[in-house]
Amino acid sequence: TVQRIFNDFAIRVYESHARVALEERDLNEYNQCQTQLKELYSSLSNNQKAVVNQNEFISYRLIYYVLLTSNKKYEGGSSDLFDIMLSLTPEQKQNKIVAHALKVRSAVADFNYHVFFLLQNDCPTPEMVYLMDYLVPIVRLFALHRICKAIRPNVSVDFVLCELGFEKDEFEHGAQWLESCGCVLSKDRESVQTKDCVVHESDWKEQNSLI
């Protein structure tokens, strides 16, 4: 254990553990690590060796708080996000990975699903992709609502799936997902009959460890 140990070694341990937790899709474990890291970074702020990866984990915390703002069970997400954004220095805002996380926040806040999926495909670290994966169902559902309202009476399935961030090899799965959200497909399954769709949350419930 590295509890109550405040040095650069403790930070490396928690950073490694946090990365593994994200890879394993364990948000609760990740959150425990990020809570410890926040305290350690603050305590060792004058130790450049210790805080070398601080901006990376600030970016993860930013996206985590964006995720919390979408969770009705948690009322503190917005204030936590606001606090961390206020705490950023001009230098941190210019940091590549922090800047990317801020763009993700803006894309979600502006309901800009097109930019969101472009950003996910260009993440500076795998860990950021893992975090953004939790936002994908939320962004996709909003995007589907908007597409079905804006394009009538039908639209290409391939176009919709591309806009929703599905890869070519995921299109079959994606078409089934569309149907699970209330979309009506044509008999040849090449178009979405948008005028007949009643879009709702997917029937496919995927559990995560958020809160």
C-alpha atoms as a PDB file:
ATOM      1  CA  THR A   1       0.000   0.000   0.000  1.00  0.00           C
ATOM      2  CA  VAL A   2       1.090   3.598  -0.589  1.00  0.00           C
ATOM      3  CA  GLN A   3      -1.499   5.267   1.611  1.00  0.00           C
ATOM      4  CA  ARG A   4      -0.127   8.172   3.669  1.00  0.00           C
ATOM      5  CA  ILE A   5       3.045   8.174   1.568  1.00  0.00           C
ATOM      6  CA  PHE A   6       3.615  11.524  -0.130  1.00  0.00           C
ATOM      7  CA  ASN A   7       6.380  11.245  -2.708  1.00  0.00           C
ATOM      8  CA  ASP A   8       6.858  10.814  -6.436  1.00  0.00           C
ATOM      9  CA  PHE A   9       6.809   7.025  -6.116  1.00  0.00           C
ATOM     10  CA  ALA A  10       3.289   7.144  -4.607  1.00  0.00           C
ATOM     11  CA  ILE A  11       2.170   9.312  -7.513  1.00  0.00           C
ATOM     12  CA  ARG A  12       3.579   6.867 -10.077  1.00  0.00           C
ATOM     13  CA  VAL A  13       1.735   4.006  -8.356  1.00  0.00           C
ATOM     14  CA  TYR A  14      -1.606   5.820  -8.346  1.00  0.00           C
ATOM     15  CA  GLU A  15      -1.124   6.964 -11.953  1.00  0.00           C
ATOM     16  CA  SER A  16      -0.439   3.414 -13.092  1.00  0.00           C
ATOM     17  CA  HIS A  17      -3.384   2.091 -11.101  1.00  0.00           C
ATOM     18  CA  ALA A  18      -5.662   4.786 -12.575  1.00  0.00           C
ATOM     19  CA  ARG A  19      -4.649   3.886 -16.127  1.00  0.00           C
ATOM     20  CA  VAL A  20      -5.334   0.204 -15.502  1.00  0.00           C
ATOM     21  CA  ALA A  21      -8.720   1.041 -13.942  1.00  0.00           C
ATOM     22  CA  LEU A  22      -9.696   3.034 -17.053  1.00  0.00           C
ATOM     23  CA  GLU A  23      -8.549   0.236 -19.350  1.00  0.00           C
ATOM     24  CA  GLU A  24     -10.610  -2.239 -17.298  1.00  0.00           C
ATOM     25  CA  ARG A  25     -13.632   0.114 -17.379  1.00  0.00           C
ATOM     26  CA  ASP A  26     -13.693   0.461 -13.576  1.00  0.00           C
ATOM     27  CA  LEU A  27     -14.724   4.054 -12.962  1.00  0.00           C
ATOM     28  CA  ASN A  28     -15.102   3.653  -9.205  1.00  0.00           C
ATOM     29  CA  GLU A  29     -11.519   2.461  -8.841  1.00  0.00           C
ATOM     30  CA  TYR A  30     -10.316   5.183 -11.203  1.00  0.00           C
ATOM     31  CA  ASN A  31     -12.128   7.826  -9.162  1.00  0.00           C
ATOM     32  CA  GLN A  32     -10.448   6.666  -5.967  1.00  0.00           C
ATOM     33  CA  CYS A  33      -7.076   6.987  -7.686  1.00  0.00           C
ATOM     34  CA  GLN A  34      -7.802  10.426  -9.086  1.00  0.00           C
ATOM     35  CA  THR A  35      -8.907  11.631  -5.638  1.00  0.00           C
ATOM     36  CA  GLN A  36      -5.553  10.539  -4.197  1.00  0.00           C
ATOM     37  CA  LEU A  37      -3.664  12.018  -7.133  1.00  0.00           C
ATOM     38  CA  LYS A  38      -5.349  15.391  -6.705  1.00  0.00           C
ATOM     39  CA  GLU A  39      -4.137  15.519  -3.094  1.00  0.00           C
ATOM     40  CA  LEU A  40      -0.654  14.283  -3.984  1.00  0.00           C
ATOM     41  CA  TYR A  41      -0.211  16.755  -6.840  1.00  0.00           C
ATOM     42  CA  SER A  42      -1.206  19.579  -4.506  1.00  0.00           C
ATOM     43  CA  SER A  43       1.166  18.439  -1.758  1.00  0.00           C
ATOM     44  CA  LEU A  44       4.107  17.966  -4.132  1.00  0.00           C
ATOM     45  CA  SER A  45       3.463  20.891  -6.462  1.00  0.00           C
ATOM     46  CA  ASN A  46       7.072  22.089  -6.109  1.00  0.00           C
ATOM     47  CA  ASN A  47       8.476  18.697  -7.115  1.00  0.00           C
ATOM     48  CA  GLN A  48       8.684  18.768 -10.914  1.00  0.00           C
ATOM     49  CA  LYS A  49       9.527  15.083 -11.119  1.00  0.00           C
ATOM     50  CA  ALA A  50       6.440  14.184  -9.099  1.00  0.00           C
ATOM     51  CA  VAL A  51       3.951  16.275 -11.097  1.00  0.00           C
ATOM     52  CA  VAL A  52       5.299  15.579 -14.590  1.00  0.00           C
ATOM     53  CA  ASN A  53       2.028  13.830 -15.590  1.00  0.00           C
ATOM     54  CA  GLN A  54      -0.332  16.186 -13.778  1.00  0.00           C
ATOM     55  CA  ASN A  55      -1.796  17.738 -16.929  1.00  0.00           C
ATOM     56  CA  GLU A  56      -2.623  14.301 -18.306  1.00  0.00           C
ATOM     57  CA  PHE A  57      -4.675  13.456 -15.229  1.00  0.00           C
ATOM     58  CA  ILE A  58      -6.279  16.882 -15.079  1.00  0.00           C
ATOM     59  CA  SER A  59      -7.596  16.187 -18.581  1.00  0.00           C
ATOM     60  CA  TYR A  60      -9.049  12.863 -17.439  1.00  0.00           C
ATOM     61  CA  ARG A  61     -10.688  14.575 -14.472  1.00  0.00           C
ATOM     62  CA  LEU A  62     -12.225  17.152 -16.824  1.00  0.00           C
ATOM     63  CA  ILE A  63     -13.855  14.470 -18.962  1.00  0.00           C
ATOM     64  CA  TYR A  64     -14.910  12.513 -15.867  1.00  0.00           C
ATOM     65  CA  TYR A  65     -16.745  15.590 -14.579  1.00  0.00           C
ATOM     66  CA  VAL A  66     -18.357  16.095 -17.993  1.00  0.00           C
ATOM     67  CA  LEU A  67     -19.633  12.542 -17.617  1.00  0.00           C
ATOM     68  CA  LEU A  68     -20.947  13.264 -14.129  1.00  0.00           C
ATOM     69  CA  THR A  69     -22.938  16.253 -15.377  1.00  0.00           C
ATOM     70  CA  SER A  70     -24.944  13.822 -17.501  1.00  0.00           C
ATOM     71  CA  ASN A  71     -25.696  11.541 -14.541  1.00  0.00           C
ATOM     72  CA  LYS A  72     -28.920  12.477 -12.725  1.00  0.00           C
ATOM     73  CA  LYS A  73     -27.773  10.602  -9.616  1.00  0.00           C
ATOM     74  CA  TYR A  74     -24.923  13.044  -9.091  1.00  0.00           C
ATOM     75  CA  GLU A  75     -25.682  16.722  -8.557  1.00  0.00           C
ATOM     76  CA  GLY A  76     -22.114  17.955  -8.088  1.00  0.00           C
ATOM     77  CA  GLY A  77     -20.801  17.362 -11.588  1.00  0.00           C
ATOM     78  CA  SER A  78     -21.408  20.876 -12.880  1.00  0.00           C
ATOM     79  CA  SER A  79     -19.808  22.601  -9.886  1.00  0.00           C
ATOM     80  CA  ASP A  80     -16.819  20.235  -9.944  1.00  0.00           C
ATOM     81  CA  LEU A  81     -16.344  20.910 -13.656  1.00  0.00           C
ATOM     82  CA  PHE A  82     -16.638  24.648 -13.111  1.00  0.00           C
ATOM     83  CA  ASP A  83     -14.089  24.534 -10.271  1.00  0.00           C
ATOM     84  CA  ILE A  84     -11.478  22.631 -12.249  1.00  0.00           C
ATOM     85  CA  MET A  85     -11.874  24.910 -15.257  1.00  0.00           C
ATOM     86  CA  LEU A  86     -11.395  27.981 -13.046  1.00  0.00           C
ATOM     87  CA  SER A  87      -8.252  26.449 -11.565  1.00  0.00           C
ATOM     88  CA  LEU A  88      -6.518  25.942 -14.928  1.00  0.00           C
ATOM     89  CA  THR A  89      -3.563  28.209 -15.592  1.00  0.00           C
ATOM     90  CA  PRO A  90      -3.000  29.758 -19.049  1.00  0.00           C
ATOM     91  CA  GLU A  91      -0.093  27.341 -19.519  1.00  0.00           C
ATOM     92  CA  GLN A  92      -2.270  24.335 -18.680  1.00  0.00           C
ATOM     93  CA  LYS A  93      -4.951  25.453 -21.131  1.00  0.00           C
ATOM     94  CA  GLN A  94      -2.289  25.447 -23.855  1.00  0.00           C
ATOM     95  CA  ASN A  95      -1.157  21.930 -22.976  1.00  0.00           C
ATOM     96  CA  LYS A  96      -2.073  19.543 -25.813  1.00  0.00           C
ATOM     97  CA  ILE A  97      -3.922  16.960 -23.738  1.00  0.00           C
ATOM     98  CA  VAL A  98      -5.735  19.495 -21.540  1.00  0.00           C
ATOM     99  CA  ALA A  99      -6.742  21.486 -24.627  1.00  0.00           C
ATOM    100  CA  HIS A 100      -8.163  18.296 -26.149  1.00  0.00           C
ATOM    101  CA  ALA A 101     -10.231  17.613 -23.018  1.00  0.00           C
ATOM    102  CA  LEU A 102     -11.548  21.189 -23.083  1.00  0.00           C
ATOM    103  CA  LYS A 103     -12.617  20.713 -26.708  1.00  0.00           C
ATOM    104  CA  VAL A 104     -14.465  17.539 -25.668  1.00  0.00           C
ATOM    105  CA  ARG A 105     -16.253  19.504 -22.951  1.00  0.00           C
ATOM    106  CA  SER A 106     -17.260  22.169 -25.465  1.00  0.00           C
ATOM    107  CA  ALA A 107     -18.478  19.588 -27.989  1.00  0.00           C
ATOM    108  CA  VAL A 108     -20.693  17.932 -25.377  1.00  0.00           C
ATOM    109  CA  ALA A 109     -21.949  21.272 -24.017  1.00  0.00           C
ATOM    110  CA  ASP A 110     -22.761  22.478 -27.545  1.00  0.00           C
ATOM    111  CA  PHE A 111     -24.331  19.127 -28.555  1.00  0.00           C
ATOM    112  CA  ASN A 112     -21.855  19.020 -31.435  1.00  0.00           C
ATOM    113  CA  TYR A 113     -21.789  15.278 -32.058  1.00  0.00           C
ATOM    114  CA  HIS A 114     -19.807  15.587 -35.283  1.00  0.00           C
ATOM    115  CA  VAL A 115     -16.897  17.302 -33.516  1.00  0.00           C
ATOM    116  CA  PHE A 116     -17.207  14.925 -30.551  1.00  0.00           C
ATOM    117  CA  PHE A 117     -16.539  11.839 -32.673  1.00  0.00           C
ATOM    118  CA  LEU A 118     -13.712  13.565 -34.548  1.00  0.00           C
ATOM    119  CA  LEU A 119     -12.104  14.311 -31.188  1.00  0.00           C
ATOM    120  CA  GLN A 120     -12.561  10.732 -29.995  1.00  0.00           C
ATOM    121  CA  ASN A 121     -10.785   9.458 -33.097  1.00  0.00           C
ATOM    122  CA  ASP A 122      -7.875  11.807 -32.391  1.00  0.00           C
ATOM    123  CA  CYS A 123      -7.390  11.335 -28.646  1.00  0.00           C
ATOM    124  CA  PRO A 124      -3.812  11.896 -27.417  1.00  0.00           C
ATOM    125  CA  THR A 125      -3.976   8.863 -25.082  1.00  0.00           C
ATOM    126  CA  PRO A 126      -5.865   5.534 -24.994  1.00  0.00           C
ATOM    127  CA  GLU A 127      -7.106   6.383 -21.494  1.00  0.00           C
ATOM    128  CA  MET A 128      -8.974   9.402 -22.826  1.00  0.00           C
ATOM    129  CA  VAL A 129     -10.676   7.167 -25.391  1.00  0.00           C
ATOM    130  CA  TYR A 130     -11.805   4.857 -22.580  1.00  0.00           C
ATOM    131  CA  LEU A 131     -13.347   7.796 -20.710  1.00  0.00           C
ATOM    132  CA  MET A 132     -15.008   9.207 -23.812  1.00  0.00           C
ATOM    133  CA  ASP A 133     -16.536   5.778 -24.479  1.00  0.00           C
ATOM    134  CA  TYR A 134     -18.840   6.421 -21.512  1.00  0.00           C
ATOM    135  CA  LEU A 135     -20.121   9.578 -23.195  1.00  0.00           C
ATOM    136  CA  VAL A 136     -20.773   7.889 -26.540  1.00  0.00           C
ATOM    137  CA  PRO A 137     -24.298   6.532 -25.742  1.00  0.00           C
ATOM    138  CA  ILE A 138     -25.393   9.971 -24.513  1.00  0.00           C
ATOM    139  CA  VAL A 139     -24.010  11.781 -27.549  1.00  0.00           C
ATOM    140  CA  ARG A 140     -25.355   9.181 -29.971  1.00  0.00           C
ATOM    141  CA  LEU A 141     -28.891   9.385 -28.612  1.00  0.00           C
ATOM    142  CA  PHE A 142     -28.964  13.168 -28.876  1.00  0.00           C
ATOM    143  CA  ALA A 143     -27.511  13.009 -32.386  1.00  0.00           C
ATOM    144  CA  LEU A 144     -30.099  10.455 -33.446  1.00  0.00           C
ATOM    145  CA  HIS A 145     -32.905  12.689 -32.164  1.00  0.00           C
ATOM    146  CA  ARG A 146     -31.526  15.620 -34.120  1.00  0.00           C
ATOM    147  CA  ILE A 147     -30.971  13.687 -37.361  1.00  0.00           C
ATOM    148  CA  CYS A 148     -34.453  12.155 -37.306  1.00  0.00           C
ATOM    149  CA  LYS A 149     -36.049  15.569 -36.771  1.00  0.00           C
ATOM    150  CA  ALA A 150     -33.912  17.376 -39.343  1.00  0.00           C
ATOM    151  CA  ILE A 151     -33.975  14.912 -42.245  1.00  0.00           C
ATOM    152  CA  ARG A 152     -37.344  13.714 -43.535  1.00  0.00           C
ATOM    153  CA  PRO A 153     -38.794  11.377 -44.737  1.00  0.00           C
ATOM    154  CA  ASN A 154     -35.732   9.105 -44.762  1.00  0.00           C
ATOM    155  CA  VAL A 155     -31.960   9.082 -44.575  1.00  0.00           C
ATOM    156  CA  SER A 156     -29.222   6.603 -45.450  1.00  0.00           C
ATOM    157  CA  VAL A 157     -28.378   4.142 -42.671  1.00  0.00           C
ATOM    158  CA  ASP A 158     -24.690   4.363 -43.592  1.00  0.00           C
ATOM    159  CA  PHE A 159     -24.768   8.156 -43.268  1.00  0.00           C
ATOM    160  CA  VAL A 160     -26.417   7.989 -39.854  1.00  0.00           C
ATOM    161  CA  LEU A 161     -23.993   5.376 -38.555  1.00  0.00           C
ATOM    162  CA  CYS A 162     -20.983   7.366 -39.782  1.00  0.00           C
ATOM    163  CA  GLU A 163     -22.312  10.478 -38.044  1.00  0.00           C
ATOM    164  CA  LEU A 164     -22.803   8.471 -34.860  1.00  0.00           C
ATOM    165  CA  GLY A 165     -19.203   7.298 -34.792  1.00  0.00           C
ATOM    166  CA  PHE A 166     -19.675   3.692 -35.886  1.00  0.00           C
ATOM    167  CA  GLU A 167     -16.853   2.106 -37.858  1.00  0.00           C
ATOM    168  CA  LYS A 168     -17.578   0.271 -41.131  1.00  0.00           C
ATOM    169  CA  ASP A 169     -17.146  -3.119 -39.501  1.00  0.00           C
ATOM    170  CA  GLU A 170     -19.690  -2.124 -36.840  1.00  0.00           C
ATOM    171  CA  PHE A 171     -22.496  -1.208 -39.243  1.00  0.00           C
ATOM    172  CA  GLU A 172     -24.480  -4.422 -38.735  1.00  0.00           C
ATOM    173  CA  HIS A 173     -24.353  -3.942 -34.990  1.00  0.00           C
ATOM    174  CA  GLY A 174     -25.089  -0.245 -35.505  1.00  0.00           C
ATOM    175  CA  ALA A 175     -28.240  -0.952 -37.524  1.00  0.00           C
ATOM    176  CA  GLN A 176     -29.499  -3.182 -34.726  1.00  0.00           C
ATOM    177  CA  TRP A 177     -28.727  -0.408 -32.249  1.00  0.00           C
ATOM    178  CA  LEU A 178     -30.771   2.033 -34.328  1.00  0.00           C
ATOM    179  CA  GLU A 179     -33.729  -0.327 -34.144  1.00  0.00           C
ATOM    180  CA  SER A 180     -33.252  -0.697 -30.381  1.00  0.00           C
ATOM    181  CA  CYS A 181     -33.648   3.105 -30.185  1.00  0.00           C
ATOM    182  CA  GLY A 182     -36.977   3.101 -32.001  1.00  0.00           C
ATOM    183  CA  CYS A 183     -35.763   3.650 -35.552  1.00  0.00           C
ATOM    184  CA  VAL A 184     -37.719   2.105 -38.425  1.00  0.00           C
ATOM    185  CA  LEU A 185     -35.534   0.766 -41.230  1.00  0.00           C
ATOM    186  CA  SER A 186     -36.586   0.187 -44.820  1.00  0.00           C
ATOM    187  CA  LYS A 187     -37.087  -3.400 -46.019  1.00  0.00           C
ATOM    188  CA  ASP A 188     -33.646  -3.421 -47.638  1.00  0.00           C
ATOM    189  CA  ARG A 189     -32.217  -1.937 -44.399  1.00  0.00           C
ATOM    190  CA  GLU A 190     -30.468   0.807 -46.350  1.00  0.00           C
ATOM    191  CA  SER A 191     -32.430   3.777 -45.041  1.00  0.00           C
ATOM    192  CA  VAL A 192     -33.954   5.039 -41.808  1.00  0.00           C
ATOM    193  CA  GLN A 193     -37.614   5.990 -42.219  1.00  0.00           C
ATOM    194  CA  THR A 194     -37.236   9.071 -40.052  1.00  0.00           C
ATOM    195  CA  LYS A 195     -40.877  10.155 -40.292  1.00  0.00           C
ATOM    196  CA  ASP A 196     -41.897   6.876 -38.624  1.00  0.00           C
ATOM    197  CA  CYS A 197     -39.237   6.866 -35.902  1.00  0.00           C
ATOM    198  CA  VAL A 198     -39.978   7.438 -32.218  1.00  0.00           C
ATOM    199  CA  VAL A 199     -36.474   7.772 -30.851  1.00  0.00           C
ATOM    200  CA  HIS A 200     -35.828   6.643 -27.280  1.00  0.00           C
ATOM    201  CA  GLU A 201     -32.979   5.319 -25.182  1.00  0.00           C
ATOM    202  CA  SER A 202     -31.622   2.015 -26.436  1.00  0.00           C
ATOM    203  CA  ASP A 203     -33.201  -1.145 -25.064  1.00  0.00           C
ATOM    204  CA  TRP A 204     -29.685  -2.527 -24.748  1.00  0.00           C
ATOM    205  CA  LYS A 205     -28.701  -1.688 -21.198  1.00  0.00           C
ATOM    206  CA  GLU A 206     -24.952  -1.677 -20.642  1.00  0.00           C
ATOM    207  CA  GLN A 207     -24.017  -1.311 -17.008  1.00  0.00           C
ATOM    208  CA  ASN A 208     -21.058   0.764 -15.907  1.00  0.00           C
ATOM    209  CA  SER A 209     -19.481   1.460 -12.549  1.00  0.00           C
ATOM    210  CA  LEU A 210     -20.275   5.176 -12.478  1.00  0.00           C
ATOM    211  CA  ILE A 211     -21.118   6.121  -8.894  1.00  0.00           C
END
